[in-house]
PDB file of N, CA and C in Angstrom:
ATOM      1  N   MET A   1      65.466 -25.852  80.196  1.00  0.00           N
ATOM      2  CA  MET A   1      66.774 -26.292  79.779  1.00  0.00           C
ATOM      3  C   MET A   1      66.620 -27.639  79.086  1.00  0.00           C
ATOM      4  N   LEU A   2      67.290 -27.773  77.948  1.00  0.00           N
ATOM      5  CA  LEU A   2      67.203 -28.999  77.168  1.00  0.00           C
ATOM      6  C   LEU A   2      68.270 -29.973  77.647  1.00  0.00           C
ATOM      7  N   LEU A   3      67.845 -31.146  77.991  1.00  0.00           N
ATOM      8  CA  LEU A   3      68.783 -32.176  78.430  1.00  0.00           C
ATOM      9  C   LEU A   3      68.956 -33.200  77.322  1.00  0.00           C
ATOM     10  N   THR A   4      70.201 -33.473  76.983  1.00  0.00           N
ATOM     11  CA  THR A   4      70.475 -34.517  75.992  1.00  0.00           C
ATOM     12  C   THR A   4      71.506 -35.457  76.566  1.00  0.00           C
ATOM     13  N   GLU A   5      71.421 -36.667  76.129  1.00  0.00           N
ATOM     14  CA  GLU A   5      72.369 -37.671  76.603  1.00  0.00           C
ATOM     15  C   GLU A   5      73.548 -37.698  75.642  1.00  0.00           C
ATOM     16  N   TRP A   6      74.734 -37.605  76.179  1.00  0.00           N
ATOM     17  CA  TRP A   6      75.955 -37.647  75.371  1.00  0.00           C
ATOM     18  C   TRP A   6      76.257 -39.097  75.035  1.00  0.00           C
ATOM     19  N   ASN A   7      76.320 -39.373  73.744  1.00  0.00           N
ATOM     20  CA  ASN A   7      76.597 -40.718  73.297  1.00  0.00           C
ATOM     21  C   ASN A   7      77.915 -40.689  72.529  1.00  0.00           C
ATOM     22  N   THR A   8      78.929 -41.265  73.121  1.00  0.00           N
ATOM     23  CA  THR A   8      80.263 -41.243  72.532  1.00  0.00           C
ATOM     24  C   THR A   8      80.288 -41.915  71.164  1.00  0.00           C
ATOM     25  N   GLU A   9      79.615 -43.030  71.034  1.00  0.00           N
ATOM     26  CA  GLU A   9      79.608 -43.748  69.753  1.00  0.00           C
ATOM     27  C   GLU A   9      78.983 -42.900  68.646  1.00  0.00           C
ATOM     28  N   ASP A  10      77.881 -42.214  68.957  1.00  0.00           N
ATOM     29  CA  ASP A  10      77.251 -41.343  67.971  1.00  0.00           C
ATOM     30  C   ASP A  10      78.170 -40.179  67.601  1.00  0.00           C
ATOM     31  N   ALA A  11      78.854 -39.630  68.587  1.00  0.00           N
ATOM     32  CA  ALA A  11      79.763 -38.514  68.338  1.00  0.00           C
ATOM     33  C   ALA A  11      80.919 -38.952  67.443  1.00  0.00           C
ATOM     34  N   ILE A  12      81.459 -40.138  67.690  1.00  0.00           N
ATOM     35  CA  ILE A  12      82.550 -40.665  66.871  1.00  0.00           C
ATOM     36  C   ILE A  12      82.056 -40.934  65.450  1.00  0.00           C
ATOM     37  N   ALA A  13      80.882 -41.525  65.321  1.00  0.00           N
ATOM     38  CA  ALA A  13      80.315 -41.804  64.003  1.00  0.00           C
ATOM     39  C   ALA A  13      80.093 -40.502  63.232  1.00  0.00           C
ATOM     40  N   PHE A  14      79.587 -39.495  63.910  1.00  0.00           N
ATOM     41  CA  PHE A  14      79.357 -38.201  63.270  1.00  0.00           C
ATOM     42  C   PHE A  14      80.679 -37.592  62.803  1.00  0.00           C
ATOM     43  N   ALA A  15      81.691 -37.639  63.648  1.00  0.00           N
ATOM     44  CA  ALA A  15      82.994 -37.068  63.303  1.00  0.00           C
ATOM     45  C   ALA A  15      83.610 -37.812  62.119  1.00  0.00           C
ATOM     46  N   ARG A  16      83.458 -39.125  62.089  1.00  0.00           N
ATOM     47  CA  ARG A  16      83.988 -39.909  60.968  1.00  0.00           C
ATOM     48  C   ARG A  16      83.288 -39.531  59.663  1.00  0.00           C
ATOM     49  N   GLU A  17      81.971 -39.427  59.704  1.00  0.00           N
ATOM     50  CA  GLU A  17      81.227 -39.084  58.489  1.00  0.00           C
ATOM     51  C   GLU A  17      81.598 -37.687  58.013  1.00  0.00           C
ATOM     52  N   GLU A  18      81.763 -36.780  58.951  1.00  0.00           N
ATOM     53  CA  GLU A  18      82.171 -35.426  58.605  1.00  0.00           C
ATOM     54  C   GLU A  18      83.552 -35.444  57.945  1.00  0.00           C
ATOM     55  N   GLY A  19      84.457 -36.254  58.478  1.00  0.00           N
ATOM     56  CA  GLY A  19      85.795 -36.398  57.900  1.00  0.00           C
ATOM     57  C   GLY A  19      85.748 -37.014  56.514  1.00  0.00           C
ATOM     58  N   ARG A  20      84.880 -38.009  56.337  1.00  0.00           N
ATOM     59  CA  ARG A  20      84.737 -38.623  55.013  1.00  0.00           C
ATOM     60  C   ARG A  20      84.247 -37.606  53.989  1.00  0.00           C
ATOM     61  N   GLU A  21      83.280 -36.808  54.391  1.00  0.00           N
ATOM     62  CA  GLU A  21      82.728 -35.797  53.480  1.00  0.00           C
ATOM     63  C   GLU A  21      83.806 -34.789  53.088  1.00  0.00           C
ATOM     64  N   GLU A  22      84.589 -34.347  54.050  1.00  0.00           N
ATOM     65  CA  GLU A  22      85.685 -33.425  53.743  1.00  0.00           C
ATOM     66  C   GLU A  22      86.676 -34.080  52.791  1.00  0.00           C
ATOM     67  N   GLY A  23      86.970 -35.358  53.029  1.00  0.00           N
ATOM     68  CA  GLY A  23      87.884 -36.090  52.154  1.00  0.00           C
ATOM     69  C   GLY A  23      87.349 -36.211  50.740  1.00  0.00           C
ATOM     70  N   ARG A  24      86.057 -36.478  50.612  1.00  0.00           N
ATOM     71  CA  ARG A  24      85.440 -36.556  49.286  1.00  0.00           C
ATOM     72  C   ARG A  24      85.571 -35.222  48.551  1.00  0.00           C
ATOM     73  N   GLU A  25      85.263 -34.147  49.251  1.00  0.00           N
ATOM     74  CA  GLU A  25      85.342 -32.822  48.642  1.00  0.00           C
ATOM     75  C   GLU A  25      86.765 -32.507  48.196  1.00  0.00           C
ATOM     76  N   GLU A  26      87.748 -32.833  49.038  1.00  0.00           N
ATOM     77  CA  GLU A  26      89.142 -32.600  48.668  1.00  0.00           C
ATOM     78  C   GLU A  26      89.541 -33.466  47.483  1.00  0.00           C
ATOM     79  N   GLY A  27      89.078 -34.714  47.472  1.00  0.00           N
ATOM     80  CA  GLY A  27      89.384 -35.619  46.365  1.00  0.00           C
ATOM     81  C   GLY A  27      88.809 -35.132  45.056  1.00  0.00           C
ATOM     82  N   ILE A  28      87.595 -34.637  45.089  1.00  0.00           N
ATOM     83  CA  ILE A  28      86.965 -34.104  43.875  1.00  0.00           C
ATOM     84  C   ILE A  28      87.756 -32.898  43.373  1.00  0.00           C
ATOM     85  N   GLU A  29      88.123 -32.016  44.278  1.00  0.00           N
ATOM     86  CA  GLU A  29      88.876 -30.823  43.890  1.00  0.00           C
ATOM     87  C   GLU A  29      90.230 -31.206  43.289  1.00  0.00           C
ATOM     88  N   GLU A  30      90.936 -32.127  43.942  1.00  0.00           N
ATOM     89  CA  GLU A  30      92.237 -32.557  43.426  1.00  0.00           C
ATOM     90  C   GLU A  30      92.082 -33.260  42.077  1.00  0.00           C
ATOM     91  N   GLY A  31      91.037 -34.067  41.936  1.00  0.00           N
ATOM     92  CA  GLY A  31      90.793 -34.753  40.673  1.00  0.00           C
ATOM     93  C   GLY A  31      90.498 -33.773  39.552  1.00  0.00           C
ATOM     94  N   TRP A  32      89.719 -32.757  39.846  1.00  0.00           N
ATOM     95  CA  TRP A  32      89.383 -31.737  38.858  1.00  0.00           C
ATOM     96  C   TRP A  32      90.656 -31.013  38.405  1.00  0.00           C
ATOM     97  N   GLU A  33      91.492 -30.621  39.379  1.00  0.00           N
ATOM     98  CA  GLU A  33      92.727 -29.910  39.050  1.00  0.00           C
ATOM     99  C   GLU A  33      93.645 -30.787  38.200  1.00  0.00           C
ATOM    100  N   LYS A  34      93.789 -32.042  38.587  1.00  0.00           N
ATOM    101  CA  LYS A  34      94.662 -32.952  37.839  1.00  0.00           C
ATOM    102  C   LYS A  34      94.098 -33.196  36.440  1.00  0.00           C
ATOM    103  N   GLY A  35      92.783 -33.358  36.334  1.00  0.00           N
ATOM    104  CA  GLY A  35      92.155 -33.556  35.033  1.00  0.00           C
ATOM    105  C   GLY A  35      92.374 -32.377  34.109  1.00  0.00           C
ATOM    106  N   CYS A  36      92.265 -31.182  34.642  1.00  0.00           N
ATOM    107  CA  CYS A  36      92.504 -29.977  33.835  1.00  0.00           C
ATOM    108  C   CYS A  36      93.955 -29.919  33.380  1.00  0.00           C
ATOM    109  N   GLU A  37      94.858 -30.260  34.283  1.00  0.00           N
ATOM    110  CA  GLU A  37      96.280 -30.252  33.976  1.00  0.00           C
ATOM    111  C   GLU A  37      96.595 -31.246  32.851  1.00  0.00           C
ATOM    112  N   VAL A  38      96.087 -32.458  32.975  1.00  0.00           N
ATOM    113  CA  VAL A  38      96.327 -33.491  31.973  1.00  0.00           C
ATOM    114  C   VAL A  38      95.678 -33.099  30.648  1.00  0.00           C
ATOM    115  N   GLY A  39      94.464 -32.577  30.715  1.00  0.00           N
ATOM    116  CA  GLY A  39      93.773 -32.155  29.502  1.00  0.00           C
ATOM    117  C   GLY A  39      94.526 -31.054  28.771  1.00  0.00           C
ATOM    118  N   LEU A  40      95.062 -30.115  29.515  1.00  0.00           N
ATOM    119  CA  LEU A  40      95.831 -29.029  28.915  1.00  0.00           C
ATOM    120  C   LEU A  40      97.082 -29.570  28.243  1.00  0.00           C
ATOM    121  N   GLU A  41      97.780 -30.470  28.927  1.00  0.00           N
ATOM    122  CA  GLU A  41      98.992 -31.060  28.355  1.00  0.00           C
ATOM    123  C   GLU A  41      98.679 -31.813  27.065  1.00  0.00           C
ATOM    124  N   LYS A  42      97.618 -32.600  27.074  1.00  0.00           N
ATOM    125  CA  LYS A  42      97.246 -33.361  25.876  1.00  0.00           C
ATOM    126  C   LYS A  42      96.818 -32.426  24.753  1.00  0.00           C
ATOM    127  N   GLY A  43      96.083 -31.379  25.089  1.00  0.00           N
ATOM    128  CA  GLY A  43      95.665 -30.413  24.089  1.00  0.00           C
ATOM    129  C   GLY A  43      96.842 -29.701  23.444  1.00  0.00           C
ATOM    130  N   MET A  44      97.818 -29.333  24.264  1.00  0.00           N
ATOM    131  CA  MET A  44      99.005 -28.667  23.732  1.00  0.00           C
ATOM    132  C   MET A  44      99.798 -29.626  22.837  1.00  0.00           C
ATOM    133  N   GLU A  45      99.904 -30.864  23.265  1.00  0.00           N
ATOM    134  CA  GLU A  45     100.621 -31.858  22.473  1.00  0.00           C
ATOM    135  C   GLU A  45      99.934 -32.056  21.118  1.00  0.00           C
ATOM    136  N   LYS A  46      98.628 -32.159  21.134  1.00  0.00           N
ATOM    137  CA  LYS A  46      97.872 -32.325  19.889  1.00  0.00           C
ATOM    138  C   LYS A  46      98.053 -31.104  18.991  1.00  0.00           C
ATOM    139  N   GLY A  47      98.034 -29.918  19.581  1.00  0.00           N
ATOM    140  CA  GLY A  47      98.239 -28.697  18.816  1.00  0.00           C
ATOM    141  C   GLY A  47      99.613 -28.665  18.159  1.00  0.00           C
ATOM    142  N   ARG A  48     100.644 -29.088  18.890  1.00  0.00           N
ATOM    143  CA  ARG A  48     101.989 -29.128  18.318  1.00  0.00           C
ATOM    144  C   ARG A  48     102.051 -30.112  17.156  1.00  0.00           C
ATOM    145  N   GLU A  49     101.428 -31.270  17.326  1.00  0.00           N
ATOM    146  CA  GLU A  49     101.411 -32.275  16.258  1.00  0.00           C
ATOM    147  C   GLU A  49     100.700 -31.743  15.023  1.00  0.00           C
ATOM    148  N   GLU A  50      99.556 -31.100  15.213  1.00  0.00           N
ATOM    149  CA  GLU A  50      98.810 -30.549  14.079  1.00  0.00           C
ATOM    150  C   GLU A  50      99.599 -29.437  13.396  1.00  0.00           C
ATOM    151  N   ASN A  51     100.276 -28.619  14.191  1.00  0.00           N
ATOM    152  CA  ASN A  51     101.093 -27.545  13.634  1.00  0.00           C
ATOM    153  C   ASN A  51     102.231 -28.131  12.810  1.00  0.00           C
ATOM    154  N   MET A  52     102.855 -29.181  13.318  1.00  0.00           N
ATOM    155  CA  MET A  52     103.957 -29.816  12.595  1.00  0.00           C
ATOM    156  C   MET A  52     103.455 -30.419  11.283  1.00  0.00           C
ATOM    157  N   GLN A  53     102.279 -31.024  11.302  1.00  0.00           N
ATOM    158  CA  GLN A  53     101.711 -31.583  10.071  1.00  0.00           C
ATOM    159  C   GLN A  53     101.461 -30.473   9.049  1.00  0.00           C
ATOM    160  N   TYR A  54     100.962 -29.348   9.521  1.00  0.00           N
ATOM    161  CA  TYR A  54     100.695 -28.207   8.646  1.00  0.00           C
ATOM    162  C   TYR A  54     101.995 -27.711   8.014  1.00  0.00           C
ATOM    163  N   VAL A  55     103.040 -27.594   8.823  1.00  0.00           N
ATOM    164  CA  VAL A  55     104.343 -27.150   8.316  1.00  0.00           C
ATOM    165  C   VAL A  55     104.864 -28.136   7.277  1.00  0.00           C
ATOM    166  N   MET A  56     104.744 -29.421   7.555  1.00  0.00           N
ATOM    167  CA  MET A  56     105.216 -30.433   6.609  1.00  0.00           C
ATOM    168  C   MET A  56     104.448 -30.353   5.290  1.00  0.00           C
ATOM    169  N   GLU A  57     103.150 -30.125   5.357  1.00  0.00           N
ATOM    170  CA  GLU A  57     102.348 -29.978   4.137  1.00  0.00           C
ATOM    171  C   GLU A  57     102.829 -28.780   3.319  1.00  0.00           C
ATOM    172  N   LEU A  58     103.092 -27.666   4.000  1.00  0.00           N
ATOM    173  CA  LEU A  58     103.563 -26.479   3.291  1.00  0.00           C
ATOM    174  C   LEU A  58     104.937 -26.706   2.686  1.00  0.00           C
ATOM    175  N   LEU A  59     105.814 -27.368   3.410  1.00  0.00           N
ATOM    176  CA  LEU A  59     107.142 -27.672   2.874  1.00  0.00           C
ATOM    177  C   LEU A  59     107.041 -28.563   1.646  1.00  0.00           C
ATOM    178  N   ASN A  60     106.168 -29.566   1.731  1.00  0.00           N
ATOM    179  CA  ASN A  60     105.985 -30.468   0.596  1.00  0.00           C
ATOM    180  C   ASN A  60     105.424 -29.745  -0.618  1.00  0.00           C
ATOM    181  N   GLN A  61     104.715 -28.650  -0.387  1.00  0.00           N
ATOM    182  CA  GLN A  61     104.146 -27.865  -1.490  1.00  0.00           C
ATOM    183  C   GLN A  61     105.164 -26.863  -2.047  1.00  0.00           C
ATOM    184  N   GLY A  62     106.344 -26.804  -1.433  1.00  0.00           N
ATOM    185  CA  GLY A  62     107.423 -25.962  -1.950  1.00  0.00           C
ATOM    186  C   GLY A  62     107.447 -24.543  -1.424  1.00  0.00           C
ATOM    187  N   PHE A  63     106.765 -24.266  -0.312  1.00  0.00           N
ATOM    188  CA  PHE A  63     106.779 -22.912   0.239  1.00  0.00           C
ATOM    189  C   PHE A  63     108.151 -22.592   0.824  1.00  0.00           C
ATOM    190  N   SER A  64     108.557 -21.339   0.704  1.00  0.00           N
ATOM    191  CA  SER A  64     109.840 -20.888   1.256  1.00  0.00           C
ATOM    192  C   SER A  64     109.713 -20.703   2.772  1.00  0.00           C
ATOM    193  N   ALA A  65     110.880 -20.531   3.407  1.00  0.00           N
ATOM    194  CA  ALA A  65     110.898 -20.304   4.851  1.00  0.00           C
ATOM    195  C   ALA A  65     110.150 -19.021   5.204  1.00  0.00           C
ATOM    196  N   GLU A  66     110.302 -17.983   4.397  1.00  0.00           N
ATOM    197  CA  GLU A  66     109.619 -16.717   4.643  1.00  0.00           C
ATOM    198  C   GLU A  66     108.103 -16.888   4.539  1.00  0.00           C
ATOM    199  N   GLU A  67     107.659 -17.641   3.549  1.00  0.00           N
ATOM    200  CA  GLU A  67     106.222 -17.874   3.386  1.00  0.00           C
ATOM    201  C   GLU A  67     105.694 -18.708   4.551  1.00  0.00           C
ATOM    202  N   LEU A  68     106.483 -19.675   5.009  1.00  0.00           N
ATOM    203  CA  LEU A  68     106.079 -20.489   6.178  1.00  0.00           C
ATOM    204  C   LEU A  68     105.896 -19.587   7.397  1.00  0.00           C
ATOM    205  N   LYS A  69     106.856 -18.712   7.645  1.00  0.00           N
ATOM    206  CA  LYS A  69     106.778 -17.793   8.794  1.00  0.00           C
ATOM    207  C   LYS A  69     105.509 -16.941   8.707  1.00  0.00           C
ATOM    208  N   ARG A  70     105.234 -16.429   7.508  1.00  0.00           N
ATOM    209  CA  ARG A  70     104.074 -15.579   7.324  1.00  0.00           C
ATOM    210  C   ARG A  70     102.786 -16.351   7.596  1.00  0.00           C
ATOM    211  N   ARG A  71     102.690 -17.544   7.062  1.00  0.00           N
ATOM    212  CA  ARG A  71     101.483 -18.358   7.254  1.00  0.00           C
ATOM    213  C   ARG A  71     101.307 -18.783   8.714  1.00  0.00           C
ATOM    214  N   LEU A  72     102.405 -19.142   9.347  1.00  0.00           N
ATOM    215  CA  LEU A  72     102.317 -19.566  10.760  1.00  0.00           C
ATOM    216  C   LEU A  72     101.940 -18.394  11.661  1.00  0.00           C
ATOM    217  N   ALA A  73     102.361 -17.195  11.301  1.00  0.00           N
ATOM    218  CA  ALA A  73     102.010 -16.024  12.097  1.00  0.00           C
ATOM    219  C   ALA A  73     100.496 -15.746  12.019  1.00  0.00           C
ATOM    220  N   GLN A  74      99.864 -16.207  10.934  1.00  0.00           N
ATOM    221  CA  GLN A  74      98.431 -15.981  10.763  1.00  0.00           C
ATOM    222  C   GLN A  74      97.589 -16.970  11.556  1.00  0.00           C
ATOM    223  N   THR A  75      98.158 -18.099  11.950  1.00  0.00           N
ATOM    224  CA  THR A  75      97.366 -19.132  12.660  1.00  0.00           C
ATOM    225  C   THR A  75      97.349 -18.911  14.131  1.00  0.00           C
TER     226      THR A  75
END
């Protein structure tokens, strides 16, 4: 039979480190999710801005509304 001495301080230290590790893992996961969310929002915003610039260029070139619709449907 293996005899070990129970050390409360070691047990508390182990539990704290285990809790810290779990917290780190949760923080990384939450950070990743938030980063993806922010990146998607910024990407969509940039896409809308680029689309608006494209529409303005076509309008300045004298394209009709029907031609704009056709061109936008292709992008």
